[in-house]
C-alpha cells in the first residue's frame, strides 16, 4: 500500500514491527523478505514514485578535495532508488576480498562469502539472472571455446550477469506486492529528519519524517533499518548523533570515515585487426533472459606480488556518431525506468533497420550483442581504493529545505590507487600478448610509466558511483559502526543495509553483495522483531 506524505492534511502517527528507511534496492528487498516472514513493515521513501529530473536536489553534497561525481549523478530519490538507472551487473566478490590483506593493512571482514551464498542465490532467482557460473567455467558451459582468453596466474576471467531490463527496477519487480499488501505501508515524500532515542537504554523509539509544506509523519517500531544509500545512510546516522549531543556514536569514531569507491580509467585504446573476433570475445552474451559480460580480474597472487589492491579490466565501445545502438539502449532503459517505451524512441527505430537486423541475427545465431561500427574501443581498468580514514563524509554548515545539514565529502585518490591501475595495465599487456590477443586487437596504453607515460592526466580517472566504508562493518565498536549482522554497535535496534557497511571495495561491483546482505539482514530482523 502506497501513501504520500505530500497529500496528507494533518500530522500522522503510525507504528510497525520494522521501519525501513529508503525505498531502493536494499530497502525494498529487505521489506519484501520481512513480509514473507509475516513481519509488518512501514517503509519511508524520501522521493516520489518516480524521479523525473536527472538529479534530485536533496542529493546535494559539497565536495572538498577531489570532486566526487557520484554524489549527484549516482543517486536517485524515488521508489526503486538507483535501480531505476542501475546498469545491472551482478557479480559476487571473491572469497579473498573478504580475507585479511596484511600488505594493504586490511583486516578480514567479520563475515565469510559462504555466509552470503544462500542469499545471493535468492537474489539471482528474483532478478532472473540464472544459476550458471560467474567464473571461467562459464566459458565451457556456453561453448565459447578459445574466443575468450583463459584464467592464468595473473588474471581470473569472470562473467558478470545482467538481469533483463524489465526486472532491474525493484519497484517494478515488486509492483503487485507494493500495491496490494495491507501490512506493507510505503510513504513517499517522507524524508527522515529527527530521531527519538531513549538515552538510558540506547533504544531508538521512533523517527519523524518531513514532507513538503511542513507535513510530519512519526513512526514507532521495534526495529529500524537505514537503507538509504551510502551517503544518505551515513548522513542520517551522523544526524542522529548530532541530535543527541554527539554521544550516540562516540563509541564508533569510524562513523563517516574510510570513504572509498572504485576508481576507473580508460587505460588503453584498442586498435582491432579483427573487429568481429573482438566482438565475439568481449560482447554481451545472452543466456536465457539475462546477459553476460567478460572481465579480467587481477588475481589475488598478482595483487600480493605487486602489493596492490583489487582491480578488473573490461572492454567498452562508443559509437562514432548516431547509431541504432543508442536508440535500442533508450528503448530498454525506458522499460527499466518507467515500464514503458517512449514514443520518440520507437519512432527512431526504422531509421536504423540495417543495424537492428544485424542485432537480431547475432542474437539468434550467436547469442551475442552486435556492436555498432564504426566505434571506439577502450580497455577500462577499475581499481579498488584502499580505505583511508582521511577520506570521509561530514555534516556541513549548509542546510537543506528541511533544516538538516548537507553532507560534505572529503575525498582524494591516493598514489596507491594509481599504482594498482599501473600494475593491472602492465600485467594485462603481458597477458594479452601471452594469449595471442594482439592478433585480434592491439592496445595503445595511456598509463604505465614503463610504456612512456609518467602520471595520470587529471580528467582521465574518476569515481564510478560505488561509495562505501563510512558505516563500516567490523567486530569492535572502536574500529567500526555495525557488526556482522549490520546492527549498529551504538543503538541496539538500529541496523544499516548499504554499501557504506563494506569495509573495503573488493574486486567487483557492490550491488549484488548488497542484495545478499539485505536479505540476510531481513532474516535477522524478523527474528529480533518477534522475540
Protein backbone atom coordinates (compact mmCIF):
# COMPACT_ATOMS: atom_id res chain seq x y z
CA UNK A 1 0.00 0.00 0.00
CA UNK A 2 1.41 3.36 -1.05
CA UNK A 3 0.70 6.63 0.75
CA UNK A 4 2.09 10.08 0.05
CA UNK A 5 3.09 12.47 2.81
CA UNK A 6 2.71 15.34 0.34
CA UNK A 7 -1.03 14.59 0.17
CA UNK A 8 -1.84 14.40 3.89
CA UNK A 9 -3.56 17.27 5.63
CA UNK A 10 -2.61 16.50 9.26
CA UNK A 11 0.36 15.03 11.14
CA UNK A 12 0.40 11.21 11.06
CA UNK A 13 1.48 8.76 13.73
CA UNK A 14 1.87 5.09 12.92
CA UNK A 15 3.76 2.00 14.06
CA UNK A 16 5.17 -1.27 12.76
CA UNK A 17 7.38 -4.11 13.84
CA UNK A 18 10.09 -2.85 11.48
CA UNK A 19 10.60 0.61 9.98
CA UNK A 20 12.72 0.64 6.81
CA UNK A 21 14.25 3.96 5.74
CA UNK A 22 14.86 4.02 2.00
CA UNK A 23 12.88 2.51 -0.90
CA UNK A 24 15.73 1.49 -3.20
CA UNK A 25 17.31 -1.90 -3.84
CA UNK A 26 18.28 -2.70 -0.26
CA UNK A 27 15.15 -1.23 1.32
CA UNK A 28 12.63 -2.97 -0.92
CA UNK A 29 14.45 -6.32 -0.84
CA UNK A 30 14.57 -6.10 2.94
CA UNK A 31 10.90 -5.12 3.23
CA UNK A 32 9.68 -7.87 0.90
CA UNK A 33 11.59 -10.59 2.71
CA UNK A 34 10.31 -9.34 6.06
CA UNK A 35 6.77 -9.51 4.72
CA UNK A 36 7.32 -13.13 3.66
CA UNK A 37 8.24 -13.81 7.27
CA UNK A 38 4.97 -12.22 8.42
CA UNK A 39 6.53 -9.02 9.76
CA UNK A 40 4.55 -5.80 9.25
CA UNK A 41 6.64 -3.01 7.75
CA UNK A 42 6.47 0.74 7.29
CA UNK A 43 8.89 1.98 4.62
CA UNK A 44 9.85 5.64 4.30
CA UNK A 45 11.00 6.86 0.88
CA UNK A 46 12.31 10.41 0.61
CA UNK A 47 11.38 10.78 -3.05
CA UNK A 48 8.25 10.43 -5.14
CA UNK A 49 7.06 7.43 -7.14
CA UNK A 50 9.43 8.47 -9.96
CA UNK A 51 12.32 10.90 -10.24
CA UNK A 52 11.60 12.94 -13.34
CA UNK A 53 14.67 15.20 -13.19
CA UNK A 54 18.16 13.91 -13.89
CA UNK A 55 19.32 14.90 -10.40
CA UNK A 56 17.41 15.29 -7.14
CA UNK A 57 18.02 18.49 -5.12
CA UNK A 58 18.04 16.60 -1.81
CA UNK A 59 21.10 14.68 -3.03
CA UNK A 60 23.20 17.81 -2.99
CA UNK A 61 26.59 17.33 -1.35
CA UNK A 62 29.58 19.62 -1.03
CA UNK A 63 32.87 18.18 -2.31
CA UNK A 64 36.18 19.29 -0.84
CA UNK A 65 39.35 17.83 -2.20
CA UNK A 66 38.64 15.96 -5.43
CA UNK A 67 35.11 16.31 -6.89
CA UNK A 68 33.01 13.24 -6.14
CA UNK A 69 30.63 12.90 -9.09
CA UNK A 70 28.60 10.03 -7.64
CA UNK A 71 27.05 12.32 -5.02
CA UNK A 72 24.62 13.74 -7.57
CA UNK A 73 24.95 11.60 -10.69
CA UNK A 74 24.99 8.22 -8.99
CA UNK A 75 21.94 8.59 -6.75
CA UNK A 76 18.18 8.69 -7.22
CA UNK A 77 15.38 9.52 -4.75
CA UNK A 78 12.24 7.69 -5.76
CA UNK A 79 10.59 4.33 -5.29
CA UNK A 80 13.15 1.89 -6.66
CA UNK A 81 16.04 4.25 -5.96
CA UNK A 82 19.11 3.76 -8.11
CA UNK A 83 17.65 0.54 -9.55
CA UNK A 84 15.70 2.86 -11.88
CA UNK A 85 19.00 3.74 -13.56
CA UNK A 86 21.29 0.92 -12.46
CA UNK A 87 23.43 -0.74 -15.13
CA UNK A 88 22.58 -4.16 -13.76
CA UNK A 89 25.89 -6.01 -13.27
CA UNK A 90 25.59 -8.85 -10.77
CA UNK A 91 28.84 -10.49 -9.68
CA UNK A 92 29.94 -11.65 -6.23
CA UNK A 93 33.16 -10.65 -4.54
CA UNK A 94 35.92 -13.23 -4.45
CA UNK A 95 36.37 -15.01 -1.12
CA UNK A 96 39.87 -13.48 -0.95
CA UNK A 97 38.31 -10.00 -0.96
CA UNK A 98 36.83 -10.69 2.47
CA UNK A 99 40.03 -12.16 3.90
CA UNK A 100 42.75 -10.19 5.67
CA UNK A 101 45.22 -8.49 3.32
CA UNK A 102 48.18 -7.64 5.56
CA UNK A 103 50.23 -5.99 2.79
CA UNK A 104 47.47 -3.37 2.50
CA UNK A 105 46.75 -3.14 6.22
CA UNK A 106 43.23 -4.54 5.71
CA UNK A 107 41.71 -6.85 8.36
CA UNK A 108 39.30 -9.64 7.47
CA UNK A 109 35.62 -8.86 7.16
CA UNK A 110 33.55 -10.24 10.08
CA UNK A 111 31.66 -12.48 7.64
CA UNK A 112 32.73 -15.02 5.03
CA UNK A 113 31.47 -15.34 1.49
CA UNK A 114 29.83 -18.66 2.39
CA UNK A 115 27.58 -16.85 4.89
CA UNK A 116 26.03 -14.93 1.99
CA UNK A 117 25.85 -17.56 -0.73
CA UNK A 118 22.27 -18.76 0.01
CA UNK A 119 21.06 -15.15 -0.14
CA UNK A 120 22.95 -14.46 -3.36
CA UNK A 121 21.19 -17.45 -4.95
CA UNK A 122 17.87 -15.99 -3.80
CA UNK A 123 18.76 -12.67 -5.43
CA UNK A 124 19.65 -14.42 -8.69
CA UNK A 125 16.24 -16.05 -8.77
CA UNK A 126 14.45 -12.79 -8.00
CA UNK A 127 16.18 -10.93 -10.82
CA UNK A 128 16.03 -13.75 -13.37
CA UNK A 129 19.82 -14.00 -13.61
CA UNK A 130 20.06 -17.79 -13.74
CA UNK A 131 22.28 -20.21 -11.77
CA UNK A 132 25.27 -20.52 -14.16
CA UNK A 133 28.86 -19.89 -13.04
CA UNK A 134 30.49 -16.47 -12.76
CA UNK A 135 33.96 -17.95 -13.23
CA UNK A 136 35.92 -19.36 -16.15
CA UNK A 137 33.68 -22.44 -16.10
CA UNK A 138 31.06 -20.34 -17.86
CA UNK A 139 33.22 -20.28 -21.00
CA UNK A 140 32.94 -24.07 -21.18
CA UNK A 141 29.24 -24.07 -20.24
CA UNK A 142 28.50 -21.59 -23.03
CA UNK A 143 30.73 -23.31 -25.59
CA UNK A 144 32.90 -20.24 -26.10
CA UNK A 145 36.00 -22.27 -26.96
CA UNK A 146 39.17 -20.22 -27.44
CA UNK A 147 37.35 -16.96 -28.22
CA UNK A 148 37.93 -15.97 -24.57
CA UNK A 149 41.46 -15.89 -23.08
CA UNK A 150 41.85 -18.28 -20.17
CA UNK A 151 42.45 -17.69 -16.48
CA UNK A 152 46.13 -17.79 -15.60
CA UNK A 153 48.45 -16.77 -12.75
CA UNK A 154 47.82 -13.05 -13.30
CA UNK A 155 44.14 -12.79 -14.22
CA UNK A 156 40.90 -14.52 -13.29
CA UNK A 157 38.39 -14.48 -16.15
CA UNK A 158 34.87 -13.87 -14.83
CA UNK A 159 31.48 -13.11 -16.33
CA UNK A 160 29.00 -10.70 -14.71
CA UNK A 161 25.27 -11.36 -15.02
CA UNK A 162 22.92 -8.60 -16.20
CA UNK A 163 19.19 -9.16 -15.44
CA UNK A 164 16.56 -8.40 -18.09
CA UNK A 165 15.85 -4.64 -18.22
CA UNK A 166 12.25 -5.11 -17.11
CA UNK A 167 13.47 -6.79 -13.88
CA UNK A 168 16.18 -4.32 -12.89
CA UNK A 169 13.87 -1.77 -11.25
CA UNK A 170 12.87 -3.21 -7.87
CA UNK A 171 9.75 -1.02 -7.77
CA UNK A 172 8.57 -2.71 -10.98
CA UNK A 173 9.74 -6.12 -9.81
CA UNK A 174 7.59 -5.89 -6.67
CA UNK A 175 4.79 -3.78 -8.14
CA UNK A 176 1.95 -6.16 -7.25
CA UNK A 177 3.08 -6.63 -3.63
CA UNK A 178 3.64 -2.90 -3.18
CA UNK A 179 0.14 -2.08 -4.35
CA UNK A 180 -1.80 -4.86 -2.61
CA UNK A 181 -0.06 -5.90 0.63
CA UNK A 182 -2.04 -4.38 3.54
CA UNK A 183 0.79 -4.98 6.02
CA UNK A 184 3.37 -3.11 3.95
CA UNK A 185 2.89 0.66 4.03
CA UNK A 186 5.18 2.76 1.84
CA UNK A 187 5.25 6.50 2.47
CA UNK A 188 6.52 8.64 -0.40
CA UNK A 189 7.98 12.15 0.02
CA UNK A 190 8.90 11.18 3.58
CA UNK A 191 12.40 12.40 4.46
CA UNK A 192 13.63 11.38 7.92
CA UNK A 193 14.63 14.49 9.84
CA UNK A 194 14.66 13.56 13.53
CA UNK A 195 15.08 10.63 15.91
CA UNK A 196 13.61 9.86 19.32
CA UNK A 197 16.29 7.91 21.21
CA UNK A 198 15.93 6.63 24.75
CA UNK A 199 19.38 7.61 26.03
CA UNK A 200 19.07 5.49 29.15
CA UNK A 201 18.56 2.24 27.26
CA UNK A 202 20.16 3.11 23.91
CA UNK A 203 16.96 2.12 22.09
CA UNK A 204 15.52 4.08 19.20
CA UNK A 205 11.82 4.64 19.89
CA UNK A 206 10.68 6.47 16.76
CA UNK A 207 11.71 8.51 13.75
CA UNK A 208 9.99 11.55 12.28
CA UNK A 209 9.82 12.17 8.56
CA UNK A 210 9.11 15.54 6.97
CA UNK A 211 7.29 16.16 3.75
CA UNK A 212 6.52 19.15 1.56
CA UNK A 213 4.74 22.07 3.21
CA UNK A 214 5.85 21.03 6.69
CA UNK A 215 3.84 17.83 6.99
CA UNK A 216 5.13 15.32 9.58
CA UNK A 217 4.99 11.56 9.99
CA UNK A 218 6.10 9.78 13.18
CA UNK A 219 6.85 6.05 13.03
CA UNK A 220 7.35 3.90 16.12
CA UNK A 221 8.87 0.44 15.65
CA UNK A 222 10.71 -2.34 17.42
CA UNK A 223 13.46 -2.40 14.81
CA UNK A 224 14.76 0.26 12.40
CA UNK A 225 16.85 -0.30 9.27
CA UNK A 226 18.56 2.51 7.35
CA UNK A 227 18.76 1.54 3.67
CA UNK A 228 19.15 4.97 2.10
CA UNK A 229 22.35 4.54 0.08
CA UNK A 230 25.91 5.00 1.30
CA UNK A 231 25.99 8.80 1.53
CA UNK A 232 22.48 9.33 2.90
CA UNK A 233 22.69 6.41 5.35
CA UNK A 234 25.87 7.92 6.77
CA UNK A 235 24.31 11.38 6.96
CA UNK A 236 21.30 10.00 8.86
CA UNK A 237 23.47 8.28 11.46
CA UNK A 238 25.51 11.44 11.90
CA UNK A 239 22.28 13.44 12.22
CA UNK A 240 21.08 11.06 14.94
CA UNK A 241 24.38 11.59 16.72
CA UNK A 242 24.24 15.38 16.43
CA UNK A 243 20.66 15.50 17.76
CA UNK A 244 21.91 13.66 20.85
CA UNK A 245 24.91 15.90 21.63
CA UNK A 246 27.43 13.65 19.86
CA UNK A 247 27.06 10.92 22.47
CA UNK A 248 25.47 8.13 20.43
CA UNK A 249 28.38 7.16 18.20
CA UNK A 250 31.18 8.29 20.49
CA UNK A 251 31.95 4.58 20.79
CA UNK A 252 32.30 4.34 16.98
CA UNK A 253 34.75 7.02 15.81
CA UNK A 254 34.88 5.33 12.39
CA UNK A 255 31.45 6.80 11.52
CA UNK A 256 31.86 8.93 8.40
CA UNK A 257 35.45 7.87 7.81
CA UNK A 258 37.10 5.43 5.36
CA UNK A 259 35.03 6.64 2.41
CA UNK A 260 36.06 4.74 -0.72
CA UNK A 261 34.92 4.00 -4.24
CA UNK A 262 36.11 2.11 -7.28
CA UNK A 263 38.26 4.33 -9.47
CA UNK A 264 38.06 3.87 -13.23
CA UNK A 265 40.31 4.85 -16.09
CA UNK A 266 40.14 4.29 -19.83
CA UNK A 267 43.69 2.95 -19.62
CA UNK A 268 44.14 1.86 -23.22
CA UNK A 269 42.69 2.23 -26.70
CA UNK A 270 42.17 -0.92 -28.76
CA UNK A 271 43.00 -0.96 -32.47
CA UNK A 272 41.09 -4.01 -33.74
CA UNK A 273 42.63 -6.03 -36.55
CA UNK A 274 39.63 -8.37 -36.39
CA UNK A 275 36.61 -6.40 -35.11
CA UNK A 276 34.21 -9.35 -35.35
CA UNK A 277 36.53 -11.52 -33.26
CA UNK A 278 36.86 -8.74 -30.68
CA UNK A 279 33.06 -8.56 -30.58
CA UNK A 280 32.92 -12.36 -30.18
CA UNK A 281 35.40 -12.21 -27.32
CA UNK A 282 34.03 -9.30 -25.29
CA UNK A 283 30.46 -8.64 -26.45
CA UNK A 284 27.47 -9.31 -24.21
CA UNK A 285 26.25 -12.91 -24.34
CA UNK A 286 22.59 -13.80 -23.92
CA UNK A 287 21.72 -16.62 -21.54
CA UNK A 288 18.00 -17.03 -21.08
CA UNK A 289 16.63 -13.56 -20.42
CA UNK A 290 19.88 -12.31 -18.89
CA UNK A 291 23.17 -11.15 -20.40
CA UNK A 292 26.76 -11.98 -19.51
CA UNK A 293 29.84 -9.76 -19.85
CA UNK A 294 33.55 -10.53 -19.71
CA UNK A 295 36.02 -9.02 -17.28
CA UNK A 296 39.64 -9.72 -16.38
CA UNK A 297 40.27 -9.58 -12.61
CA UNK A 298 43.78 -9.17 -11.24
CA UNK A 299 44.42 -12.42 -9.38
CA UNK A 300 45.00 -12.47 -5.60
CA UNK A 301 48.53 -13.80 -6.15
CA UNK A 302 49.33 -10.94 -8.57
CA UNK A 303 47.92 -8.44 -6.06
CA UNK A 304 50.20 -9.80 -3.34
CA UNK A 305 53.23 -9.78 -5.64
CA UNK A 306 52.58 -6.15 -6.61
CA UNK A 307 51.39 -5.16 -3.11
CA UNK A 308 48.31 -3.52 -4.63
CA UNK A 309 44.54 -3.71 -4.20
CA UNK A 310 41.99 -5.48 -6.41
CA UNK A 311 41.33 -4.38 -9.97
CA UNK A 312 39.48 -5.59 -13.03
CA UNK A 313 39.55 -4.68 -16.70
CA UNK A 314 36.75 -4.69 -19.24
CA UNK A 315 36.34 -3.63 -22.86
CA UNK A 316 33.80 -0.96 -23.79
CA UNK A 317 32.79 0.64 -27.05
CA UNK A 318 31.49 4.06 -28.01
CA UNK A 319 29.73 4.54 -31.37
CA UNK A 320 31.35 7.19 -33.55
CA UNK A 321 28.23 9.12 -34.38
CA UNK A 322 24.48 8.43 -34.02
CA UNK A 323 23.70 4.74 -34.13
CA UNK A 324 20.93 2.20 -33.82
CA UNK A 325 22.57 1.01 -30.62
CA UNK A 326 21.78 4.33 -28.93
CA UNK A 327 18.12 4.03 -29.91
CA UNK A 328 17.95 0.41 -28.77
CA UNK A 329 19.52 1.35 -25.44
CA UNK A 330 16.98 4.17 -24.96
CA UNK A 331 14.12 1.73 -25.58
CA UNK A 332 15.44 -0.72 -22.99
CA UNK A 333 16.19 1.96 -20.41
CA UNK A 334 12.66 3.27 -20.81
CA UNK A 335 11.38 -0.18 -19.92
CA UNK A 336 13.64 -0.24 -16.87
CA UNK A 337 12.79 3.23 -15.54
CA UNK A 338 9.14 3.60 -16.44
CA UNK A 339 7.96 0.14 -17.54
CA UNK A 340 7.16 1.59 -20.95
CA UNK A 341 8.86 2.71 -24.16
CA UNK A 342 8.99 6.36 -25.22
CA UNK A 343 7.27 7.32 -28.45
CA UNK A 344 10.37 9.13 -29.75
CA UNK A 345 12.49 6.02 -29.25
CA UNK A 346 10.02 3.86 -31.15
CA UNK A 347 9.83 6.40 -33.96
CA UNK A 348 13.63 6.36 -34.38
CA UNK A 349 13.91 2.57 -34.78
CA UNK A 350 13.08 2.34 -38.54
CA UNK A 351 15.98 4.68 -39.42
CA UNK A 352 18.45 2.11 -38.13
CA UNK A 353 16.92 -1.04 -39.56
CA UNK A 354 20.14 -2.49 -41.11
CA UNK A 355 21.92 -2.43 -37.75
CA UNK A 356 18.84 -3.74 -35.92
CA UNK A 357 18.56 -6.64 -38.37
CA UNK A 358 22.20 -7.43 -37.68
CA UNK A 359 21.47 -7.31 -33.97
CA UNK A 360 18.67 -9.81 -34.49
CA UNK A 361 20.94 -12.16 -36.45
CA UNK A 362 23.72 -12.06 -33.84
CA UNK A 363 21.14 -12.52 -31.08
CA UNK A 364 19.66 -15.64 -32.68
CA UNK A 365 22.68 -17.20 -34.36
CA UNK A 366 25.47 -16.26 -31.96
CA UNK A 367 23.57 -15.36 -28.76
CA UNK A 368 25.51 -12.09 -28.57
CA UNK A 369 25.04 -8.36 -28.91
CA UNK A 370 26.38 -6.93 -32.17
CA UNK A 371 28.48 -3.84 -31.61
CA UNK A 372 27.85 -0.88 -33.94
CA UNK A 373 30.52 0.27 -36.37
CA UNK A 374 32.42 2.49 -36.58
CA UNK A 375 33.20 2.65 -32.89
CA UNK A 376 35.95 3.46 -30.42
CA UNK A 377 37.11 0.57 -28.23
CA UNK A 378 38.61 1.17 -24.78
CA UNK A 379 40.28 -1.08 -22.25
CA UNK A 380 38.98 0.21 -18.92
CA UNK A 381 40.66 -0.57 -15.62
CA UNK A 382 38.62 -0.32 -12.44
CA UNK A 383 40.69 -0.26 -9.25
CA UNK A 384 39.72 -0.77 -5.64
CA UNK A 385 40.57 2.18 -3.44
CA UNK A 386 42.25 1.19 -0.18
CA UNK A 387 40.23 2.81 2.64
CA UNK A 388 41.87 5.81 4.34
CA UNK A 389 40.48 7.48 7.47
CA UNK A 390 41.12 10.90 5.89
CA UNK A 391 38.56 10.21 3.14
CA UNK A 392 35.31 10.98 4.86
CA UNK A 393 31.77 12.34 5.00
CA UNK A 394 30.96 15.18 7.39
CA UNK A 395 27.91 17.27 8.21
CA UNK A 396 28.35 20.73 6.70
CA UNK A 397 27.06 24.15 7.64
CA UNK A 398 24.69 24.41 4.68
CA UNK A 399 21.13 23.23 5.38
CA UNK A 400 18.62 21.54 3.10
CA UNK A 401 14.97 22.56 2.79
CA UNK A 402 14.15 20.58 5.96
CA UNK A 403 16.79 22.32 8.05
CA UNK A 404 19.14 19.32 8.09
CA UNK A 405 22.87 19.59 7.28
CA UNK A 406 24.01 18.90 3.73
CA UNK A 407 26.82 16.31 3.66
CA UNK A 408 30.39 17.30 2.88
CA UNK A 409 32.56 14.72 1.09
CA UNK A 410 36.31 14.99 1.61
CA UNK A 411 37.76 12.59 -0.96
CA UNK A 412 41.11 12.07 -2.64
CA UNK A 413 42.64 9.46 -4.94
CA UNK A 414 45.93 8.34 -3.43
CA UNK A 415 49.09 7.20 -5.21
CA UNK A 416 48.35 3.65 -4.07
CA UNK A 417 45.26 3.58 -6.31
CA UNK A 418 47.30 4.80 -9.29
CA UNK A 419 49.83 2.06 -8.50
CA UNK A 420 47.02 -0.52 -8.70
CA UNK A 421 45.96 0.74 -12.13
CA UNK A 422 49.55 0.72 -13.39
CA UNK A 423 50.21 -2.79 -12.11
CA UNK A 424 47.00 -4.06 -13.69
CA UNK A 425 47.85 -2.43 -17.05
CA UNK A 426 51.40 -3.77 -17.08
CA UNK A 427 50.33 -7.32 -16.32
CA UNK A 428 47.36 -7.15 -18.66
CA UNK A 429 49.64 -6.09 -21.52
CA UNK A 430 51.76 -9.20 -20.95
CA UNK A 431 48.66 -11.39 -20.52
CA UNK A 432 47.18 -10.06 -23.78
CA UNK A 433 50.33 -10.96 -25.72
CA UNK A 434 50.81 -14.26 -23.90
CA UNK A 435 47.41 -15.50 -25.07
CA UNK A 436 47.72 -14.29 -28.66
CA UNK A 437 45.22 -11.43 -28.44
CA UNK A 438 47.40 -8.92 -30.29
CA UNK A 439 46.24 -10.67 -33.45
CA UNK A 440 42.68 -9.57 -32.55
CA UNK A 441 43.43 -6.04 -31.33
CA UNK A 442 46.50 -4.17 -30.16
CA UNK A 443 46.29 -1.96 -27.09
CA UNK A 444 47.81 1.51 -27.04
CA UNK A 445 48.23 2.16 -23.33
CA UNK A 446 47.66 5.58 -21.78
CA UNK A 447 49.06 4.62 -18.36
CA UNK A 448 52.17 2.82 -17.06
CA UNK A 449 55.36 4.82 -16.96
CA UNK A 450 57.47 1.93 -18.32
CA UNK A 451 55.50 2.44 -21.56
CA UNK A 452 56.34 6.10 -21.82
CA UNK A 453 53.65 7.88 -19.75
CA UNK A 454 54.56 9.09 -16.27
CA UNK A 455 51.48 10.02 -14.27
CA UNK A 456 47.77 10.07 -14.92
CA UNK A 457 46.01 13.01 -16.61
CA UNK A 458 43.56 14.68 -14.22
CA UNK A 459 40.49 14.19 -16.38
CA UNK A 460 41.03 10.56 -17.25
CA UNK A 461 40.26 8.97 -13.88
CA UNK A 462 37.10 9.15 -11.79
CA UNK A 463 34.77 7.51 -9.31
CA UNK A 464 32.09 5.16 -10.65
CA UNK A 465 29.34 5.63 -8.05
CA UNK A 466 30.31 2.69 -5.80
CA UNK A 467 30.69 4.51 -2.44
CA UNK A 468 31.39 2.53 0.71
CA UNK A 469 33.11 2.38 4.06
CA UNK A 470 31.55 5.19 6.11
CA UNK A 471 29.40 2.94 8.35
CA UNK A 472 31.89 0.10 8.09
CA UNK A 473 31.31 -3.39 9.38
CA UNK A 474 33.60 -4.92 12.00
CA UNK A 475 33.94 -6.81 15.22
CA UNK A 476 34.87 -3.93 17.51
CA UNK A 477 32.96 -0.67 18.04
CA UNK A 478 36.22 1.27 18.22
CA UNK A 479 37.05 0.47 14.59
CA UNK A 480 33.61 0.01 13.01
CA UNK A 481 30.00 1.18 13.11
CA UNK A 482 27.99 -2.04 12.59
CA UNK A 483 28.61 -5.67 13.50
CA UNK A 484 28.48 -8.76 11.29
CA UNK A 485 24.66 -8.67 11.39
CA UNK A 486 24.66 -4.98 10.32
CA UNK A 487 23.37 -3.89 13.74
CA UNK A 488 24.96 -0.65 14.95
CA UNK A 489 27.22 -1.07 17.95
CA UNK A 490 25.73 2.05 19.49
CA UNK A 491 21.96 1.51 19.11
CA UNK A 492 20.65 -1.99 19.74
CA UNK A 493 17.61 -1.79 17.44
CA UNK A 494 19.16 0.19 14.55
CA UNK A 495 20.72 -1.53 11.53
CA UNK A 496 22.22 -0.35 8.25
CA UNK A 497 21.88 -2.09 4.86
CA UNK A 498 24.02 -0.09 2.48
CA UNK A 499 27.34 -0.36 0.68
CA UNK A 500 28.55 2.04 3.37
CA UNK A 501 28.98 -1.03 5.62
CA UNK A 502 31.56 -2.58 3.27
CA UNK A 503 35.00 -2.28 4.91
CA UNK A 504 36.70 -2.38 1.50
CA UNK A 505 35.70 -2.09 -2.13
CA UNK A 506 36.89 -5.53 -3.25
CA UNK A 507 37.12 -6.81 -6.82
CA UNK A 508 33.64 -6.27 -8.21
CA UNK A 509 30.56 -4.05 -8.42
CA UNK A 510 28.98 -3.92 -4.93
CA UNK A 511 25.24 -4.16 -5.72
CA UNK A 512 24.96 -7.96 -5.78
CA UNK A 513 26.71 -8.27 -2.42
CA UNK A 514 24.42 -5.56 -1.03
CA UNK A 515 21.43 -7.65 -2.11
CA UNK A 516 22.81 -10.63 -0.21
CA UNK A 517 23.42 -8.58 2.92
CA UNK A 518 19.93 -7.02 2.76
CA UNK A 519 18.24 -10.43 2.51
CA UNK A 520 20.42 -11.77 5.33
CA UNK A 521 19.54 -8.75 7.49
CA UNK A 522 15.83 -9.42 6.89
CA UNK A 523 16.14 -12.86 8.46
CA UNK A 524 17.99 -11.36 11.42
CA UNK A 525 15.40 -8.59 11.91
CA UNK A 526 12.47 -10.99 11.54
CA UNK A 527 13.86 -12.99 14.43
CA UNK A 528 14.59 -9.86 16.51
CA UNK A 529 11.15 -8.32 15.86
CA UNK A 530 9.31 -11.37 17.17
CA UNK A 531 11.36 -12.01 20.31
